[in-house]
Amino acid sequence: MKKVLTGITLGASILALAACGSEGGSSSGDDTTLTVGASNVPHAEILEQVKPILEEQGIELEIETYQDYVLPNQDLDSGDLDANYFQHIPYLESQIADNGYDFVNAGGIHIEPIGLYSKKFGSIDELPDGATILMSNSVADHGRVLSMLEQAGLIKLDESVEKTSATIEDVVENPKNIQFDPNYEAALLVQMYEQEEGDAVLINSNYALDAGLNPIEDSIAIEDSNSPYVNVIAVNAGDEENEAIVALVEALHSQEIQDWILEEWGGSVVPVTE
């Protein structure tokens, strides 16, 4: 866990480290400091709303913001963070499998429906034969976006394949001969959209919101809010039971925060309690 140790002896440092590891955050007097890594929008903004709730419980929440999907997990694994809040469950599971992280899901907080955006066409029905759709190079998102396009009637996936693990190769019906270009960092897709690259762009809602887009109003198709891609608080295994982590998740699940999320984003971000 993250700790700041200055002006004390090595022996005292060791004792402090042991105490912090059992409390779910670094300690300073009677207070606990909890350091959480998050994407700028909406994650960090939601965490800002939680700060006063945690302060009443003697927990100081420090928020470290990130622009990518790799460093927050590296920093959690190294101990620079006590938790992170930026990723959905399938991505978390893929990161654990690929990197051997000993992470667990401490609680689901919200869903960000992914959207399809276009500056050239006003609806998904207007996409022409052979249209090119740009998408993230994150394989963990491919099943998600392909399922959304199937729901929109644009393609059909192999029924024998689990939707969350579907790939472009699992598209069995493609009447408009849509061309998929999955070669972009997720953070660059807004730029591709603004530059009118391709015919349409699939953009994660955190990046869309950060760029001033409204997923409900500006997209030409959007994922159903019943998505299994719940954004979670991730922690190192064993820390999910620490008092500060439990308090964080409970605060995020509170009616006050859920109501704020709905009011702030009008359905572009949907709170959950599991």
C-alpha atoms as a PDB file:
ATOM      1  CA  MET A   1       0.000   0.000   0.000  1.00  0.00           C
ATOM      2  CA  LYS A   2       1.158   3.545  -0.586  1.00  0.00           C
ATOM      3  CA  LYS A   3       2.973   5.097   2.346  1.00  0.00           C
ATOM      4  CA  VAL A   4       4.839   8.306   3.079  1.00  0.00           C
ATOM      5  CA  LEU A   5       7.522   7.855   5.677  1.00  0.00           C
ATOM      6  CA  THR A   6       9.749  10.781   6.626  1.00  0.00           C
ATOM      7  CA  GLY A   7      11.868  11.688   9.646  1.00  0.00           C
ATOM      8  CA  ILE A   8      11.497   8.330  11.374  1.00  0.00           C
ATOM      9  CA  THR A   9      13.810   5.448  12.025  1.00  0.00           C
ATOM     10  CA  LEU A  10      13.973   2.306   9.949  1.00  0.00           C
ATOM     11  CA  GLY A  11      12.510   0.285  12.796  1.00  0.00           C
ATOM     12  CA  ALA A  12       9.549   2.631  13.073  1.00  0.00           C
ATOM     13  CA  SER A  13       9.150   2.464   9.310  1.00  0.00           C
ATOM     14  CA  ILE A  14       8.788  -1.292   9.394  1.00  0.00           C
ATOM     15  CA  LEU A  15       6.152  -1.079  12.128  1.00  0.00           C
ATOM     16  CA  ALA A  16       4.249   1.588  10.200  1.00  0.00           C
ATOM     17  CA  LEU A  17       4.289  -0.496   7.059  1.00  0.00           C
ATOM     18  CA  ALA A  18       2.883  -3.485   8.892  1.00  0.00           C
ATOM     19  CA  ALA A  19       0.112  -1.360  10.382  1.00  0.00           C
ATOM     20  CA  CYS A  20      -0.811   0.168   7.021  1.00  0.00           C
ATOM     21  CA  GLY A  21      -1.032  -3.200   5.326  1.00  0.00           C
ATOM     22  CA  SER A  22      -3.688  -4.291   7.801  1.00  0.00           C
ATOM     23  CA  GLU A  23      -5.789  -1.155   7.579  1.00  0.00           C
ATOM     24  CA  GLY A  24      -6.340  -0.738   3.817  1.00  0.00           C
ATOM     25  CA  GLY A  25      -4.459   2.548   3.352  1.00  0.00           C
ATOM     26  CA  SER A  26      -1.610   4.502   4.866  1.00  0.00           C
ATOM     27  CA  SER A  27      -2.158   5.885   8.349  1.00  0.00           C
ATOM     28  CA  SER A  28      -1.333   9.292   9.805  1.00  0.00           C
ATOM     29  CA  GLY A  29      -2.379   9.695  13.414  1.00  0.00           C
ATOM     30  CA  ASP A  30      -6.048   8.793  13.660  1.00  0.00           C
ATOM     31  CA  ASP A  31      -6.621   9.262   9.912  1.00  0.00           C
ATOM     32  CA  THR A  32      -6.225   6.814   7.025  1.00  0.00           C
ATOM     33  CA  THR A  33      -5.132   7.862   3.545  1.00  0.00           C
ATOM     34  CA  LEU A  34      -6.547   5.849   0.648  1.00  0.00           C
ATOM     35  CA  THR A  35      -4.926   6.365  -2.769  1.00  0.00           C
ATOM     36  CA  VAL A  36      -7.078   5.407  -5.752  1.00  0.00           C
ATOM     37  CA  GLY A  37      -6.128   5.579  -9.434  1.00  0.00           C
ATOM     38  CA  ALA A  38      -8.906   6.599 -11.830  1.00  0.00           C
ATOM     39  CA  SER A  39      -9.712   7.800 -15.330  1.00  0.00           C
ATOM     40  CA  ASN A  40     -10.505  11.523 -15.438  1.00  0.00           C
ATOM     41  CA  VAL A  41     -14.153  11.120 -16.445  1.00  0.00           C
ATOM     42  CA  PRO A  42     -16.359   9.876 -14.953  1.00  0.00           C
ATOM     43  CA  HIS A  43     -14.352   7.913 -12.394  1.00  0.00           C
ATOM     44  CA  ALA A  44     -12.299  10.700 -10.798  1.00  0.00           C
ATOM     45  CA  GLU A  45     -15.315  13.019 -10.775  1.00  0.00           C
ATOM     46  CA  ILE A  46     -17.383  10.401  -8.962  1.00  0.00           C
ATOM     47  CA  LEU A  47     -14.599   9.873  -6.442  1.00  0.00           C
ATOM     48  CA  GLU A  48     -14.488  13.612  -5.755  1.00  0.00           C
ATOM     49  CA  GLN A  49     -18.125  13.401  -4.641  1.00  0.00           C
ATOM     50  CA  VAL A  50     -17.219  10.616  -2.233  1.00  0.00           C
ATOM     51  CA  LYS A  51     -14.439  12.530  -0.467  1.00  0.00           C
ATOM     52  CA  PRO A  52     -16.691  14.268   2.120  1.00  0.00           C
ATOM     53  CA  ILE A  53     -18.401  10.991   2.997  1.00  0.00           C
ATOM     54  CA  LEU A  54     -15.080   9.308   3.686  1.00  0.00           C
ATOM     55  CA  GLU A  55     -13.691  12.329   5.555  1.00  0.00           C
ATOM     56  CA  GLU A  56     -16.478  11.897   8.125  1.00  0.00           C
ATOM     57  CA  GLN A  57     -15.065   8.407   8.750  1.00  0.00           C
ATOM     58  CA  GLY A  58     -11.479   9.626   9.131  1.00  0.00           C
ATOM     59  CA  ILE A  59     -10.421   8.521   5.643  1.00  0.00           C
ATOM     60  CA  GLU A  60      -8.576  10.920   3.356  1.00  0.00           C
ATOM     61  CA  LEU A  61      -9.112   9.991  -0.290  1.00  0.00           C
ATOM     62  CA  GLU A  62      -6.283  10.798  -2.688  1.00  0.00           C
ATOM     63  CA  ILE A  63      -7.134  10.491  -6.381  1.00  0.00           C
ATOM     64  CA  GLU A  64      -4.449   9.814  -9.002  1.00  0.00           C
ATOM     65  CA  THR A  65      -5.726  10.344 -12.558  1.00  0.00           C
ATOM     66  CA  TYR A  66      -4.653   8.362 -15.621  1.00  0.00           C
ATOM     67  CA  GLN A  67      -5.120   8.749 -19.369  1.00  0.00           C
ATOM     68  CA  ASP A  68      -4.521   5.119 -20.323  1.00  0.00           C
ATOM     69  CA  TYR A  69      -5.633   1.607 -19.379  1.00  0.00           C
ATOM     70  CA  VAL A  70      -2.220   0.070 -18.605  1.00  0.00           C
ATOM     71  CA  LEU A  71      -0.509   2.133 -15.901  1.00  0.00           C
ATOM     72  CA  PRO A  72      -3.330   2.009 -13.313  1.00  0.00           C
ATOM     73  CA  ASN A  73      -2.960  -1.765 -13.028  1.00  0.00           C
ATOM     74  CA  GLN A  74       0.826  -1.632 -13.010  1.00  0.00           C
ATOM     75  CA  ASP A  75       0.724   0.922 -10.196  1.00  0.00           C
ATOM     76  CA  LEU A  76      -1.807  -1.115  -8.228  1.00  0.00           C
ATOM     77  CA  ASP A  77       0.392  -4.189  -8.569  1.00  0.00           C
ATOM     78  CA  SER A  78       3.505  -2.282  -7.443  1.00  0.00           C
ATOM     79  CA  GLY A  79       1.746  -0.854  -4.389  1.00  0.00           C
ATOM     80  CA  ASP A  80       1.709   2.765  -5.564  1.00  0.00           C
ATOM     81  CA  LEU A  81      -2.092   2.610  -5.403  1.00  0.00           C
ATOM     82  CA  ASP A  82      -4.422   1.106  -2.826  1.00  0.00           C
ATOM     83  CA  ALA A  83      -7.125   0.584  -5.465  1.00  0.00           C
ATOM     84  CA  ASN A  84      -8.049   1.625  -8.963  1.00  0.00           C
ATOM     85  CA  TYR A  85     -11.326   2.558 -10.583  1.00  0.00           C
ATOM     86  CA  PHE A  86     -11.282   2.676 -14.375  1.00  0.00           C
ATOM     87  CA  GLN A  87     -11.886  -0.785 -15.808  1.00  0.00           C
ATOM     88  CA  HIS A  88     -14.811  -3.096 -16.462  1.00  0.00           C
ATOM     89  CA  ILE A  89     -14.957  -6.727 -15.377  1.00  0.00           C
ATOM     90  CA  PRO A  90     -13.936  -8.439 -18.680  1.00  0.00           C
ATOM     91  CA  TYR A  91     -10.913  -6.124 -18.999  1.00  0.00           C
ATOM     92  CA  LEU A  92      -9.921  -6.781 -15.390  1.00  0.00           C
ATOM     93  CA  GLU A  93     -10.180 -10.521 -15.969  1.00  0.00           C
ATOM     94  CA  SER A  94      -8.101 -10.316 -19.160  1.00  0.00           C
ATOM     95  CA  GLN A  95      -5.418  -8.262 -17.385  1.00  0.00           C
ATOM     96  CA  ILE A  96      -5.226 -10.832 -14.587  1.00  0.00           C
ATOM     97  CA  ALA A  97      -4.904 -13.653 -17.123  1.00  0.00           C
ATOM     98  CA  ASP A  98      -2.319 -11.861 -19.280  1.00  0.00           C
ATOM     99  CA  ASN A  99      -0.143 -10.370 -16.544  1.00  0.00           C
ATOM    100  CA  GLY A 100      -0.593 -12.641 -13.555  1.00  0.00           C
ATOM    101  CA  TYR A 101      -1.957  -9.850 -11.360  1.00  0.00           C
ATOM    102  CA  ASP A 102      -3.364 -10.961  -8.013  1.00  0.00           C
ATOM    103  CA  PHE A 103      -6.328  -8.558  -8.197  1.00  0.00           C
ATOM    104  CA  VAL A 104      -9.934  -8.911  -7.113  1.00  0.00           C
ATOM    105  CA  ASN A 105     -13.116  -6.971  -7.784  1.00  0.00           C
ATOM    106  CA  ALA A 106     -14.045  -5.149  -4.562  1.00  0.00           C
ATOM    107  CA  GLY A 107     -17.375  -3.917  -5.956  1.00  0.00           C
ATOM    108  CA  GLY A 108     -19.137  -2.885  -9.155  1.00  0.00           C
ATOM    109  CA  ILE A 109     -19.950   0.835  -9.346  1.00  0.00           C
ATOM    110  CA  HIS A 110     -21.308   1.849 -12.754  1.00  0.00           C
ATOM    111  CA  ILE A 111     -21.778   1.043 -16.430  1.00  0.00           C
ATOM    112  CA  GLU A 112     -20.693   3.332 -19.266  1.00  0.00           C
ATOM    113  CA  PRO A 113     -22.617   2.305 -22.385  1.00  0.00           C
ATOM    114  CA  ILE A 114     -20.197   2.324 -25.333  1.00  0.00           C
ATOM    115  CA  GLY A 115     -21.331   4.280 -28.384  1.00  0.00           C
ATOM    116  CA  LEU A 116     -20.878   4.465 -32.154  1.00  0.00           C
ATOM    117  CA  TYR A 117     -20.196   7.983 -33.436  1.00  0.00           C
ATOM    118  CA  SER A 118     -20.076   9.482 -36.917  1.00  0.00           C
ATOM    119  CA  LYS A 119     -19.632  12.964 -38.357  1.00  0.00           C
ATOM    120  CA  LYS A 120     -20.648  11.707 -41.793  1.00  0.00           C
ATOM    121  CA  PHE A 121     -23.889   9.880 -41.084  1.00  0.00           C
ATOM    122  CA  GLY A 122     -26.806  10.714 -38.811  1.00  0.00           C
ATOM    123  CA  SER A 123     -27.940   7.175 -38.026  1.00  0.00           C
ATOM    124  CA  ILE A 124     -26.646   3.643 -38.164  1.00  0.00           C
ATOM    125  CA  ASP A 125     -29.073   2.916 -41.003  1.00  0.00           C
ATOM    126  CA  GLU A 126     -27.300   5.511 -43.164  1.00  0.00           C
ATOM    127  CA  LEU A 127     -23.963   3.693 -43.075  1.00  0.00           C
ATOM    128  CA  PRO A 128     -23.196   2.718 -46.696  1.00  0.00           C
ATOM    129  CA  ASP A 129     -22.134  -0.628 -48.094  1.00  0.00           C
ATOM    130  CA  GLY A 130     -18.469  -1.201 -47.264  1.00  0.00           C
ATOM    131  CA  ALA A 131     -18.394   1.430 -44.500  1.00  0.00           C
ATOM    132  CA  THR A 132     -15.325   1.371 -42.241  1.00  0.00           C
ATOM    133  CA  ILE A 133     -15.772   1.336 -38.462  1.00  0.00           C
ATOM    134  CA  LEU A 134     -12.779   2.184 -36.279  1.00  0.00           C
ATOM    135  CA  MET A 135     -12.505   0.450 -32.930  1.00  0.00           C
ATOM    136  CA  SER A 136     -10.143  -0.070 -30.017  1.00  0.00           C
ATOM    137  CA  ASN A 137      -7.264  -2.527 -30.250  1.00  0.00           C
ATOM    138  CA  SER A 138      -8.299  -3.828 -26.815  1.00  0.00           C
ATOM    139  CA  VAL A 139      -9.516  -7.361 -27.547  1.00  0.00           C
ATOM    140  CA  ALA A 140     -11.410  -7.301 -24.250  1.00  0.00           C
ATOM    141  CA  ASP A 141     -13.753  -4.716 -25.807  1.00  0.00           C
ATOM    142  CA  HIS A 142     -14.349  -6.459 -29.137  1.00  0.00           C
ATOM    143  CA  GLY A 143     -17.103  -8.772 -27.954  1.00  0.00           C
ATOM    144  CA  ARG A 144     -18.753  -5.813 -26.308  1.00  0.00           C
ATOM    145  CA  VAL A 145     -18.851  -3.584 -29.374  1.00  0.00           C
ATOM    146  CA  LEU A 146     -19.764  -6.410 -31.735  1.00  0.00           C
ATOM    147  CA  SER A 147     -22.666  -7.385 -29.475  1.00  0.00           C
ATOM    148  CA  MET A 148     -23.838  -3.785 -29.527  1.00  0.00           C
ATOM    149  CA  LEU A 149     -23.695  -3.700 -33.326  1.00  0.00           C
ATOM    150  CA  GLU A 150     -25.598  -6.987 -33.448  1.00  0.00           C
ATOM    151  CA  GLN A 151     -28.302  -5.500 -31.208  1.00  0.00           C
ATOM    152  CA  ALA A 152     -28.469  -2.554 -33.613  1.00  0.00           C
ATOM    153  CA  GLY A 153     -29.098  -4.978 -36.504  1.00  0.00           C
ATOM    154  CA  LEU A 154     -25.870  -4.246 -38.351  1.00  0.00           C
ATOM    155  CA  ILE A 155     -24.272  -7.698 -38.092  1.00  0.00           C
ATOM    156  CA  LYS A 156     -24.921 -11.165 -36.704  1.00  0.00           C
ATOM    157  CA  LEU A 157     -22.493 -13.159 -34.561  1.00  0.00           C
ATOM    158  CA  ASP A 158     -21.960 -16.909 -34.435  1.00  0.00           C
ATOM    159  CA  GLU A 159     -24.558 -18.151 -31.948  1.00  0.00           C
ATOM    160  CA  SER A 160     -22.135 -20.733 -30.531  1.00  0.00           C
ATOM    161  CA  VAL A 161     -19.720 -18.045 -29.339  1.00  0.00           C
ATOM    162  CA  GLU A 162     -19.945 -16.345 -25.933  1.00  0.00           C
ATOM    163  CA  LYS A 163     -20.829 -12.709 -26.690  1.00  0.00           C
ATOM    164  CA  THR A 164     -18.248 -11.183 -24.348  1.00  0.00           C
ATOM    165  CA  SER A 165     -15.421 -13.118 -26.024  1.00  0.00           C
ATOM    166  CA  ALA A 166     -16.559 -12.663 -29.642  1.00  0.00           C
ATOM    167  CA  THR A 167     -14.068 -11.404 -32.223  1.00  0.00           C
ATOM    168  CA  ILE A 168     -14.399  -9.968 -35.703  1.00  0.00           C
ATOM    169  CA  GLU A 169     -13.865 -13.494 -37.067  1.00  0.00           C
ATOM    170  CA  ASP A 170     -17.116 -14.533 -35.333  1.00  0.00           C
ATOM    171  CA  VAL A 171     -19.237 -12.234 -37.533  1.00  0.00           C
ATOM    172  CA  VAL A 172     -21.305 -14.642 -39.671  1.00  0.00           C
ATOM    173  CA  GLU A 173     -23.673 -12.152 -41.288  1.00  0.00           C
ATOM    174  CA  ASN A 174     -22.558  -8.731 -42.528  1.00  0.00           C
ATOM    175  CA  PRO A 175     -25.096  -7.555 -45.121  1.00  0.00           C
ATOM    176  CA  LYS A 176     -23.495  -4.124 -45.523  1.00  0.00           C
ATOM    177  CA  ASN A 177     -19.999  -5.598 -45.814  1.00  0.00           C
ATOM    178  CA  ILE A 178     -18.828  -3.440 -42.897  1.00  0.00           C
ATOM    179  CA  GLN A 179     -15.039  -3.175 -42.617  1.00  0.00           C
ATOM    180  CA  PHE A 180     -13.683  -3.246 -39.060  1.00  0.00           C
ATOM    181  CA  ASP A 181     -10.393  -1.514 -38.279  1.00  0.00           C
ATOM    182  CA  PRO A 182      -9.360  -2.521 -34.717  1.00  0.00           C
ATOM    183  CA  ASN A 183      -5.932  -0.897 -34.678  1.00  0.00           C
ATOM    184  CA  TYR A 184      -6.282   2.132 -32.417  1.00  0.00           C
ATOM    185  CA  GLU A 185      -5.521   2.950 -28.807  1.00  0.00           C
ATOM    186  CA  ALA A 186      -8.832   3.615 -27.059  1.00  0.00           C
ATOM    187  CA  ALA A 187      -7.664   7.077 -25.998  1.00  0.00           C
ATOM    188  CA  LEU A 188      -7.102   8.087 -29.658  1.00  0.00           C
ATOM    189  CA  LEU A 189     -10.564   7.229 -30.946  1.00  0.00           C
ATOM    190  CA  VAL A 190     -12.068  10.623 -30.102  1.00  0.00           C
ATOM    191  CA  GLN A 191      -9.308  12.220 -32.183  1.00  0.00           C
ATOM    192  CA  MET A 192     -10.102   9.857 -35.064  1.00  0.00           C
ATOM    193  CA  TYR A 193     -13.754  10.880 -34.812  1.00  0.00           C
ATOM    194  CA  GLU A 194     -12.927  14.599 -34.773  1.00  0.00           C
ATOM    195  CA  GLN A 195     -10.699  14.145 -37.829  1.00  0.00           C
ATOM    196  CA  GLU A 196     -13.520  12.252 -39.599  1.00  0.00           C
ATOM    197  CA  GLU A 197     -11.375   9.150 -40.023  1.00  0.00           C
ATOM    198  CA  GLY A 198     -13.365   6.162 -41.209  1.00  0.00           C
ATOM    199  CA  ASP A 199     -17.145   6.277 -41.501  1.00  0.00           C
ATOM    200  CA  ALA A 200     -17.907   5.678 -37.822  1.00  0.00           C
ATOM    201  CA  VAL A 201     -15.938   5.253 -34.590  1.00  0.00           C
ATOM    202  CA  LEU A 202     -16.652   3.168 -31.507  1.00  0.00           C
ATOM    203  CA  ILE A 203     -15.702   5.222 -28.438  1.00  0.00           C
ATOM    204  CA  ASN A 204     -15.656   4.255 -24.757  1.00  0.00           C
ATOM    205  CA  SER A 205     -17.913   6.619 -22.835  1.00  0.00           C
ATOM    206  CA  ASN A 206     -15.220   7.814 -20.416  1.00  0.00           C
ATOM    207  CA  TYR A 207     -13.239   9.207 -23.361  1.00  0.00           C
ATOM    208  CA  ALA A 208     -16.382  10.538 -25.036  1.00  0.00           C
ATOM    209  CA  LEU A 209     -17.454  12.365 -21.867  1.00  0.00           C
ATOM    210  CA  ASP A 210     -13.944  13.715 -21.309  1.00  0.00           C
ATOM    211  CA  ALA A 211     -14.055  15.206 -24.826  1.00  0.00           C
ATOM    212  CA  GLY A 212     -17.419  16.882 -24.240  1.00  0.00           C
ATOM    213  CA  LEU A 213     -19.511  14.351 -26.148  1.00  0.00           C
ATOM    214  CA  ASN A 214     -22.874  13.211 -24.818  1.00  0.00           C
ATOM    215  CA  PRO A 215     -23.148   9.458 -25.482  1.00  0.00           C
ATOM    216  CA  ILE A 216     -26.946   9.559 -25.372  1.00  0.00           C
ATOM    217  CA  GLU A 217     -27.350  12.518 -27.741  1.00  0.00           C
ATOM    218  CA  ASP A 218     -24.267  12.363 -29.969  1.00  0.00           C
ATOM    219  CA  SER A 219     -23.925   8.666 -30.766  1.00  0.00           C
ATOM    220  CA  ILE A 220     -25.718   7.016 -33.691  1.00  0.00           C
ATOM    221  CA  ALA A 221     -25.991   3.771 -31.708  1.00  0.00           C
ATOM    222  CA  ILE A 222     -25.385   2.992 -28.048  1.00  0.00           C
ATOM    223  CA  GLU A 223     -24.993  -0.095 -25.918  1.00  0.00           C
ATOM    224  CA  ASP A 224     -27.918  -1.300 -23.824  1.00  0.00           C
ATOM    225  CA  SER A 225     -27.617  -0.221 -20.188  1.00  0.00           C
ATOM    226  CA  ASN A 226     -27.987  -3.883 -19.128  1.00  0.00           C
ATOM    227  CA  SER A 227     -24.393  -4.416 -20.223  1.00  0.00           C
ATOM    228  CA  PRO A 228     -22.242  -6.896 -18.255  1.00  0.00           C
ATOM    229  CA  TYR A 229     -19.328  -4.449 -18.574  1.00  0.00           C
ATOM    230  CA  VAL A 230     -19.549  -3.026 -15.068  1.00  0.00           C
ATOM    231  CA  ASN A 231     -16.750  -0.670 -13.971  1.00  0.00           C
ATOM    232  CA  VAL A 232     -15.324  -1.817 -10.657  1.00  0.00           C
ATOM    233  CA  ILE A 233     -13.049  -0.950  -7.770  1.00  0.00           C
ATOM    234  CA  ALA A 234     -10.055  -3.266  -8.194  1.00  0.00           C
ATOM    235  CA  VAL A 235      -7.657  -4.073  -5.347  1.00  0.00           C
ATOM    236  CA  ASN A 236      -4.916  -6.543  -4.569  1.00  0.00           C
ATOM    237  CA  ALA A 237      -6.293  -9.827  -3.261  1.00  0.00           C
ATOM    238  CA  GLY A 238      -7.014  -9.612   0.456  1.00  0.00           C
ATOM    239  CA  ASP A 239      -7.477  -5.844   0.491  1.00  0.00           C
ATOM    240  CA  GLU A 240     -11.162  -6.089  -0.423  1.00  0.00           C
ATOM    241  CA  GLU A 241     -11.918  -6.676   3.263  1.00  0.00           C
ATOM    242  CA  ASN A 242      -9.896  -3.724   4.559  1.00  0.00           C
ATOM    243  CA  GLU A 243     -12.051  -1.183   6.359  1.00  0.00           C
ATOM    244  CA  ALA A 244     -11.081   1.762   4.144  1.00  0.00           C
ATOM    245  CA  ILE A 245     -11.828  -0.168   0.935  1.00  0.00           C
ATOM    246  CA  VAL A 246     -15.167  -1.374   2.302  1.00  0.00           C
ATOM    247  CA  ALA A 247     -16.037   2.198   3.284  1.00  0.00           C
ATOM    248  CA  LEU A 248     -15.133   3.448  -0.202  1.00  0.00           C
ATOM    249  CA  VAL A 249     -17.361   0.902  -1.932  1.00  0.00           C
ATOM    250  CA  GLU A 250     -20.235   1.540   0.477  1.00  0.00           C
ATOM    251  CA  ALA A 251     -19.979   5.275  -0.148  1.00  0.00           C
ATOM    252  CA  LEU A 252     -20.005   4.740  -3.909  1.00  0.00           C
ATOM    253  CA  HIS A 253     -23.105   2.558  -3.536  1.00  0.00           C
ATOM    254  CA  SER A 254     -24.901   5.134  -1.394  1.00  0.00           C
ATOM    255  CA  GLN A 255     -28.154   6.635  -2.632  1.00  0.00           C
ATOM    256  CA  GLU A 256     -26.567  10.089  -2.542  1.00  0.00           C
ATOM    257  CA  ILE A 257     -23.835   9.122  -4.998  1.00  0.00           C
ATOM    258  CA  GLN A 258     -26.115   7.051  -7.226  1.00  0.00           C
ATOM    259  CA  ASP A 259     -28.548   9.949  -7.536  1.00  0.00           C
ATOM    260  CA  TRP A 260     -25.676  12.313  -8.313  1.00  0.00           C
ATOM    261  CA  ILE A 261     -24.382  10.044 -11.093  1.00  0.00           C
ATOM    262  CA  LEU A 262     -27.802   9.886 -12.751  1.00  0.00           C
ATOM    263  CA  GLU A 263     -28.349  13.625 -12.449  1.00  0.00           C
ATOM    264  CA  GLU A 264     -24.853  14.536 -13.640  1.00  0.00           C
ATOM    265  CA  TRP A 265     -24.788  12.368 -16.775  1.00  0.00           C
ATOM    266  CA  GLY A 266     -28.425  11.735 -17.586  1.00  0.00           C
ATOM    267  CA  GLY A 267     -28.065   8.057 -18.436  1.00  0.00           C
ATOM    268  CA  SER A 268     -24.619   8.216 -20.079  1.00  0.00           C
ATOM    269  CA  VAL A 269     -23.306   6.678 -16.864  1.00  0.00           C
ATOM    270  CA  VAL A 270     -25.541   4.191 -15.032  1.00  0.00           C
ATOM    271  CA  PRO A 271     -24.883   3.317 -11.355  1.00  0.00           C
ATOM    272  CA  VAL A 272     -24.993  -0.271 -10.078  1.00  0.00           C
ATOM    273  CA  THR A 273     -24.795  -1.725  -6.574  1.00  0.00           C
ATOM    274  CA  GLU A 274     -23.100  -5.104  -7.132  1.00  0.00           C
END
